[in-house]
Each structure stands twice: as C-alpha cells, then as structure tokens.
C-alpha atoms as a PDB file:
ATOM      1  CA  UNK A   1      13.430-128.253  71.100  1.00  0.00           C
ATOM      2  CA  UNK A   2      12.016-128.408  74.398  1.00  0.00           C
ATOM      3  CA  UNK A   3       9.209-125.599  73.039  1.00  0.00           C
ATOM      4  CA  UNK A   4       8.308-127.376  70.577  1.00  0.00           C
ATOM      5  CA  UNK A   5       8.129-130.585  72.510  1.00  0.00           C
ATOM      6  CA  UNK A   6       5.935-129.259  74.966  1.00  0.00           C
ATOM      7  CA  UNK A   7       3.360-127.496  72.840  1.00  0.00           C
ATOM      8  CA  UNK A   8       3.346-130.455  70.285  1.00  0.00           C
ATOM      9  CA  UNK A   9       2.650-133.136  73.221  1.00  0.00           C
ATOM     10  CA  UNK A  10       0.418-130.557  75.456  1.00  0.00           C
ATOM     11  CA  UNK A  11      -1.516-128.705  72.885  1.00  0.00           C
ATOM     12  CA  UNK A  12      -5.372-127.689  73.732  1.00  0.00           C
ATOM     13  CA  UNK A  13      -6.939-128.572  77.511  1.00  0.00           C
ATOM     14  CA  UNK A  14      -6.049-131.644  79.514  1.00  0.00           C
ATOM     15  CA  UNK A  15      -8.660-134.908  78.804  1.00  0.00           C
ATOM     16  CA  UNK A  16      -9.222-137.377  81.096  1.00  0.00           C
ATOM     17  CA  UNK A  17      -8.433-140.792  80.253  1.00  0.00           C
ATOM     18  CA  UNK A  18     -11.159-142.916  78.891  1.00  0.00           C
ATOM     19  CA  UNK A  19     -12.990-144.966  81.558  1.00  0.00           C
ATOM     20  CA  UNK A  20     -16.362-147.155  80.728  1.00  0.00           C
ATOM     21  CA  UNK A  21     -18.903-148.727  83.255  1.00  0.00           C
ATOM     22  CA  UNK A  22     -21.609-150.682  80.781  1.00  0.00           C
ATOM     23  CA  UNK A  23     -24.237-152.924  81.616  1.00  0.00           C
ATOM     24  CA  UNK A  24     -23.754-156.335  80.705  1.00  0.00           C
ATOM     25  CA  UNK A  25     -27.015-158.432  80.362  1.00  0.00           C
ATOM     26  CA  UNK A  26     -28.098-160.088  82.165  1.00  0.00           C
ATOM     27  CA  UNK A  27     -26.159-159.391  85.519  1.00  0.00           C
ATOM     28  CA  UNK A  28     -22.746-157.884  84.947  1.00  0.00           C
ATOM     29  CA  UNK A  29     -21.012-154.716  84.509  1.00  0.00           C
ATOM     30  CA  UNK A  30     -17.931-154.512  82.070  1.00  0.00           C
ATOM     31  CA  UNK A  31     -15.420-151.875  83.317  1.00  0.00           C
ATOM     32  CA  UNK A  32     -12.967-150.637  80.866  1.00  0.00           C
ATOM     33  CA  UNK A  33     -10.030-148.110  82.204  1.00  0.00           C
ATOM     34  CA  UNK A  34      -6.157-147.738  81.202  1.00  0.00           C
ATOM     35  CA  UNK A  35      -3.755-149.666  83.350  1.00  0.00           C
ATOM     36  CA  UNK A  36      -3.281-148.840  86.716  1.00  0.00           C
ATOM     37  CA  UNK A  37      -1.624-151.767  88.754  1.00  0.00           C
ATOM     38  CA  UNK A  38      -3.044-150.238  92.049  1.00  0.00           C
ATOM     39  CA  UNK A  39      -6.320-150.181  90.685  1.00  0.00           C
ATOM     40  CA  UNK A  40      -5.863-153.805  89.256  1.00  0.00           C
ATOM     41  CA  UNK A  41      -4.758-155.166  92.775  1.00  0.00           C
ATOM     42  CA  UNK A  42      -8.203-153.850  94.553  1.00  0.00           C
ATOM     43  CA  UNK A  43     -10.404-154.915  91.714  1.00  0.00           C
ATOM     44  CA  UNK A  44      -9.165-158.506  92.389  1.00  0.00           C
ATOM     45  CA  UNK A  45     -10.290-158.290  95.665  1.00  0.00           C
ATOM     46  CA  UNK A  46     -13.929-157.844  94.395  1.00  0.00           C
ATOM     47  CA  UNK A  47     -15.540-161.513  94.373  1.00  0.00           C
ATOM     48  CA  UNK A  48     -16.831-162.300  91.007  1.00  0.00           C
ATOM     49  CA  UNK A  49     -14.682-160.447  88.629  1.00  0.00           C
ATOM     50  CA  UNK A  50     -12.977-161.683  85.925  1.00  0.00           C
ATOM     51  CA  UNK A  51     -10.613-160.203  83.627  1.00  0.00           C
ATOM     52  CA  UNK A  52     -11.216-161.109  80.032  1.00  0.00           C
ATOM     53  CA  UNK A  53      -8.252-159.889  78.374  1.00  0.00           C
ATOM     54  CA  UNK A  54      -9.530-156.565  77.388  1.00  0.00           C
ATOM     55  CA  UNK A  55     -11.889-155.716  80.324  1.00  0.00           C
ATOM     56  CA  UNK A  56     -12.887-156.396  83.827  1.00  0.00           C
ATOM     57  CA  UNK A  57     -16.353-158.218  84.035  1.00  0.00           C
ATOM     58  CA  UNK A  58     -17.898-157.948  87.763  1.00  0.00           C
ATOM     59  CA  UNK A  59     -21.322-159.095  88.707  1.00  0.00           C
ATOM     60  CA  UNK A  60     -23.986-155.831  89.155  1.00  0.00           C
ATOM     61  CA  UNK A  61     -23.929-156.599  92.991  1.00  0.00           C
ATOM     62  CA  UNK A  62     -20.514-154.910  93.349  1.00  0.00           C
ATOM     63  CA  UNK A  63     -21.293-151.904  90.767  1.00  0.00           C
ATOM     64  CA  UNK A  64     -21.165-149.765  93.601  1.00  0.00           C
ATOM     65  CA  UNK A  65     -17.535-150.470  94.715  1.00  0.00           C
ATOM     66  CA  UNK A  66     -16.507-150.469  91.418  1.00  0.00           C
ATOM     67  CA  UNK A  67     -17.732-147.120  90.918  1.00  0.00           C
ATOM     68  CA  UNK A  68     -15.738-145.758  93.794  1.00  0.00           C
ATOM     69  CA  UNK A  69     -12.649-147.670  92.882  1.00  0.00           C
ATOM     70  CA  UNK A  70     -13.032-146.143  89.340  1.00  0.00           C
ATOM     71  CA  UNK A  71     -13.455-142.700  90.661  1.00  0.00           C
ATOM     72  CA  UNK A  72     -10.706-143.120  93.119  1.00  0.00           C
ATOM     73  CA  UNK A  73      -7.542-144.119  90.385  1.00  0.00           C
ATOM     74  CA  UNK A  74      -9.602-142.403  87.477  1.00  0.00           C
ATOM     75  CA  UNK A  75     -11.076-139.185  88.018  1.00  0.00           C
ATOM     76  CA  UNK A  76     -14.009-137.933  85.530  1.00  0.00           C
ATOM     77  CA  UNK A  77     -13.418-134.145  85.739  1.00  0.00           C
ATOM     78  CA  UNK A  78     -10.270-132.295  84.422  1.00  0.00           C
ATOM     79  CA  UNK A  79     -10.641-130.215  87.901  1.00  0.00           C
ATOM     80  CA  UNK A  80      -9.895-133.374  89.736  1.00  0.00           C
ATOM     81  CA  UNK A  81      -6.163-133.765  88.243  1.00  0.00           C
ATOM     82  CA  UNK A  82      -3.318-132.398  89.478  1.00  0.00           C
ATOM     83  CA  UNK A  83       0.079-131.581  87.624  1.00  0.00           C
ATOM     84  CA  UNK A  84       3.415-131.911  88.754  1.00  0.00           C
ATOM     85  CA  UNK A  85       6.802-131.006  87.275  1.00  0.00           C
ATOM     86  CA  UNK A  86       9.333-133.327  88.899  1.00  0.00           C
ATOM     87  CA  UNK A  87      13.247-133.871  88.626  1.00  0.00           C
ATOM     88  CA  UNK A  88      14.278-137.265  89.834  1.00  0.00           C
ATOM     89  CA  UNK A  89      18.355-137.096  90.745  1.00  0.00           C
ATOM     90  CA  UNK A  90      19.867-140.227  90.437  1.00  0.00           C
ATOM     91  CA  UNK A  91      22.551-140.376  93.331  1.00  0.00           C
ATOM     92  CA  UNK A  92      24.014-143.760  92.930  1.00  0.00           C
ATOM     93  CA  UNK A  93      23.201-146.837  90.464  1.00  0.00           C
ATOM     94  CA  UNK A  94      19.363-147.344  90.986  1.00  0.00           C
ATOM     95  CA  UNK A  95      17.886-151.042  90.255  1.00  0.00           C
ATOM     96  CA  UNK A  96      14.345-149.877  89.647  1.00  0.00           C
ATOM     97  CA  UNK A  97      12.525-147.454  87.614  1.00  0.00           C
ATOM     98  CA  UNK A  98      10.857-144.301  89.103  1.00  0.00           C
ATOM     99  CA  UNK A  99       7.024-144.795  88.706  1.00  0.00           C
ATOM    100  CA  UNK A 100       3.767-142.640  89.034  1.00  0.00           C
ATOM    101  CA  UNK A 101       0.652-144.390  90.173  1.00  0.00           C
ATOM    102  CA  UNK A 102       2.781-148.005  89.439  1.00  0.00           C
ATOM    103  CA  UNK A 103       3.731-146.798  85.924  1.00  0.00           C
ATOM    104  CA  UNK A 104       7.549-146.893  85.477  1.00  0.00           C
ATOM    105  CA  UNK A 105       9.120-145.064  82.875  1.00  0.00           C
ATOM    106  CA  UNK A 106      12.675-146.468  82.860  1.00  0.00           C
ATOM    107  CA  UNK A 107      13.722-149.744  81.421  1.00  0.00           C
ATOM    108  CA  UNK A 108      17.082-150.900  81.731  1.00  0.00           C
ATOM    109  CA  UNK A 109      19.414-153.514  81.741  1.00  0.00           C
ATOM    110  CA  UNK A 110      23.428-153.116  82.066  1.00  0.00           C
ATOM    111  CA  UNK A 111      23.989-152.861  78.129  1.00  0.00           C
ATOM    112  CA  UNK A 112      21.389-150.227  77.437  1.00  0.00           C
ATOM    113  CA  UNK A 113      18.760-148.147  78.556  1.00  0.00           C
ATOM    114  CA  UNK A 114      15.151-146.524  77.468  1.00  0.00           C
ATOM    115  CA  UNK A 115      13.452-143.751  79.137  1.00  0.00           C
ATOM    116  CA  UNK A 116       9.577-143.507  77.846  1.00  0.00           C
ATOM    117  CA  UNK A 117       6.139-142.750  78.500  1.00  0.00           C
ATOM    118  CA  UNK A 118       4.312-146.010  77.821  1.00  0.00           C
ATOM    119  CA  UNK A 119       1.895-144.384  75.868  1.00  0.00           C
ATOM    120  CA  UNK A 120       0.442-143.053  78.732  1.00  0.00           C
ATOM    121  CA  UNK A 121      -1.048-139.778  77.515  1.00  0.00           C
ATOM    122  CA  UNK A 122      -0.172-137.480  80.528  1.00  0.00           C
ATOM    123  CA  UNK A 123       3.490-138.388  81.526  1.00  0.00           C
ATOM    124  CA  UNK A 124       6.103-135.961  79.398  1.00  0.00           C
ATOM    125  CA  UNK A 125      10.024-136.436  79.713  1.00  0.00           C
ATOM    126  CA  UNK A 126      11.122-133.209  79.293  1.00  0.00           C
ATOM    127  CA  UNK A 127      14.688-134.048  79.710  1.00  0.00           C
ATOM    128  CA  UNK A 128      16.851-137.158  80.220  1.00  0.00           C
ATOM    129  CA  UNK A 129      20.530-137.825  80.876  1.00  0.00           C
ATOM    130  CA  UNK A 130      20.899-141.478  81.494  1.00  0.00           C
ATOM    131  CA  UNK A 131      22.922-144.357  81.196  1.00  0.00           C
ATOM    132  CA  UNK A 132      23.100-147.965  82.287  1.00  0.00           C
ATOM    133  CA  UNK A 133      25.453-150.137  84.165  1.00  0.00           C
ATOM    134  CA  UNK A 134      26.006-152.323  87.102  1.00  0.00           C
ATOM    135  CA  UNK A 135      26.513-156.199  86.430  1.00  0.00           C
ATOM    136  CA  UNK A 136      24.626-158.570  84.458  1.00  0.00           C
ATOM    137  CA  UNK A 137      22.802-159.747  87.347  1.00  0.00           C
ATOM    138  CA  UNK A 138      22.654-156.612  89.097  1.00  0.00           C
ATOM    139  CA  UNK A 139      21.892-154.029  86.716  1.00  0.00           C
ATOM    140  CA  UNK A 140      21.757-150.234  87.436  1.00  0.00           C
ATOM    141  CA  UNK A 141      20.978-146.804  85.853  1.00  0.00           C
ATOM    142  CA  UNK A 142      22.584-143.599  86.575  1.00  0.00           C
ATOM    143  CA  UNK A 143      21.606-140.007  85.382  1.00  0.00           C
ATOM    144  CA  UNK A 144      18.322-137.436  85.960  1.00  0.00           C
ATOM    145  CA  UNK A 145      15.159-136.914  84.352  1.00  0.00           C
ATOM    146  CA  UNK A 146      13.064-134.279  84.116  1.00  0.00           C
ATOM    147  CA  UNK A 147       9.097-135.204  83.681  1.00  0.00           C
ATOM    148  CA  UNK A 148       5.623-133.266  83.661  1.00  0.00           C
ATOM    149  CA  UNK A 149       2.803-135.133  84.987  1.00  0.00           C
ATOM    150  CA  UNK A 150      -1.196-134.568  85.134  1.00  0.00           C
ATOM    151  CA  UNK A 151      -2.851-137.490  87.109  1.00  0.00           C
ATOM    152  CA  UNK A 152      -5.175-137.100  89.943  1.00  0.00           C
ATOM    153  CA  UNK A 153      -4.508-135.167  92.685  1.00  0.00           C
ATOM    154  CA  UNK A 154      -2.649-137.464  94.875  1.00  0.00           C
ATOM    155  CA  UNK A 155      -0.737-139.589  92.828  1.00  0.00           C
ATOM    156  CA  UNK A 156       1.586-142.377  94.371  1.00  0.00           C
ATOM    157  CA  UNK A 157       5.182-141.343  93.230  1.00  0.00           C
ATOM    158  CA  UNK A 158       7.785-143.817  93.635  1.00  0.00           C
ATOM    159  CA  UNK A 159      11.456-143.139  92.852  1.00  0.00           C
ATOM    160  CA  UNK A 160      14.286-146.069  94.330  1.00  0.00           C
ATOM    161  CA  UNK A 161      15.781-145.360  97.597  1.00  0.00           C
ATOM    162  CA  UNK A 162      19.138-144.322  95.503  1.00  0.00           C
ATOM    163  CA  UNK A 163      17.191-141.255  93.969  1.00  0.00           C
ATOM    164  CA  UNK A 164      16.260-137.878  95.112  1.00  0.00           C
ATOM    165  CA  UNK A 165      12.956-136.422  94.083  1.00  0.00           C
ATOM    166  CA  UNK A 166      12.293-133.082  93.510  1.00  0.00           C
ATOM    167  CA  UNK A 167       9.144-131.017  92.985  1.00  0.00           C
ATOM    168  CA  UNK A 168       9.424-127.896  91.471  1.00  0.00           C
ATOM    169  CA  UNK A 169       5.824-126.834  90.484  1.00  0.00           C
ATOM    170  CA  UNK A 170       2.510-128.812  91.816  1.00  0.00           C
ATOM    171  CA  UNK A 171      -0.792-127.335  91.333  1.00  0.00           C
ATOM    172  CA  UNK A 172      -4.482-127.510  89.165  1.00  0.00           C
ATOM    173  CA  UNK A 173      -2.892-126.178  86.266  1.00  0.00           C
ATOM    174  CA  UNK A 174       0.141-126.017  83.710  1.00  0.00           C
ATOM    175  CA  UNK A 175       3.378-124.642  85.074  1.00  0.00           C
ATOM    176  CA  UNK A 176       4.551-121.501  83.083  1.00  0.00           C
ATOM    177  CA  UNK A 177       7.508-121.685  80.938  1.00  0.00           C
ATOM    178  CA  UNK A 178       9.715-120.169  83.089  1.00  0.00           C
ATOM    179  CA  UNK A 179       9.483-122.869  85.499  1.00  0.00           C
ATOM    180  CA  UNK A 180       9.677-125.445  83.038  1.00  0.00           C
ATOM    181  CA  UNK A 181      13.087-123.914  81.881  1.00  0.00           C
ATOM    182  CA  UNK A 182      14.382-123.565  85.049  1.00  0.00           C
ATOM    183  CA  UNK A 183      13.842-127.450  86.119  1.00  0.00           C
ATOM    184  CA  UNK A 184      15.309-128.268  82.738  1.00  0.00           C
ATOM    185  CA  UNK A 185      18.350-126.133  83.465  1.00  0.00           C
ATOM    186  CA  UNK A 186      19.019-127.012  87.009  1.00  0.00           C
ATOM    187  CA  UNK A 187      18.833-130.658  85.626  1.00  0.00           C
ATOM    188  CA  UNK A 188      21.506-129.702  83.157  1.00  0.00           C
ATOM    189  CA  UNK A 189      23.754-127.775  85.185  1.00  0.00           C
ATOM    190  CA  UNK A 190      24.050-130.578  87.645  1.00  0.00           C
ATOM    191  CA  UNK A 191      26.972-132.788  87.266  1.00  0.00           C
END
C-alpha cells in the first residue's frame, strides 16, 4: 500500500505551485497564489492591496514589494524547494494541528478526527494512527503521523507543544524508499 500511495501521488518530477502576477490596466497588478497564511499576513501590510475573493489587487507602485513577497513564499524553480520526511509523535493530548507554512492537516473535535492534506499537492500523509478525545470544551487528539512535504527551502513547521517532531530526511531530492519505510516502521513500532 505504501509503495502504491507514494508512487501514485508523487509520480514524475516535482512541480512548483501556480503563481501569477499579471497587469490590470490602468494602474494595478493581480496576484494569484496558493493559500499561505504567512503570505496573506504580509501582503495585508502593503497599502492599496485588496482581496477580491479570488485574487489580490495591488497598485503598480508596490509591484517590486509584491514580487519579493511572492518569491519568498512561492519559489519559481523546483531547485528552490526542499523535501522533508517528518514524524509527529503525540505525547499528550494536543489542542491544535501540526502546520507547514501555516497549513494545518489535523482537524478534530472530541468525537472525531481527520488527517488530510487540504488539497495542497506537496503534503503526503504516509502513516497515521490518531484518535480524538478531551472534553467538549477542550477537545484534543492523540497519536502519530508520518508525512512527506516538499515546500520552500525553510518552511515554518509548527507542532503543538505536546508533540515531538522527528525529522528523518531533509534534502533537495526525494528520500529513498528505505528511508520512507524506516520512518513508517518506526511509527508503527512506537507504542
């Protein structure tokens, strides 16, 4: 199953997320990127910016700032990405989701839990054994997750304080299947 999952989702070369900066006459530019909350936070600091519901509109005066910001969060060359193979071990009930560049992938309440990649093409959940718990007011999740990500060189990886983060691999190319198997086997062997 692991081999099929890995090959079906990661077949072929890595591709960069679609990013566009287009002119909008007479004096604006349109910025279209995948969702990244850190990017949104920074673009909101630019005067004259406006979210239309689909794209950002910004005055041409700030085009250089926008280009730097887009380059920071959405590299345009595959070589500017790095691949990480990571295991998150839940030690105690966590009250928030692990995140990569602000994109969480554990959604939960006291009665249910779901691990997903939110449609982002470069997060692959390779193994999960999780359960929900806590109280109605303070839900929590317990368990472990092994995931493979391909993001910009230094993504912001957040795990709740109750979790332990173990990095098995970080590099410019995909890890070998042996490294991936070891990460999954370690997770399965962990009580």
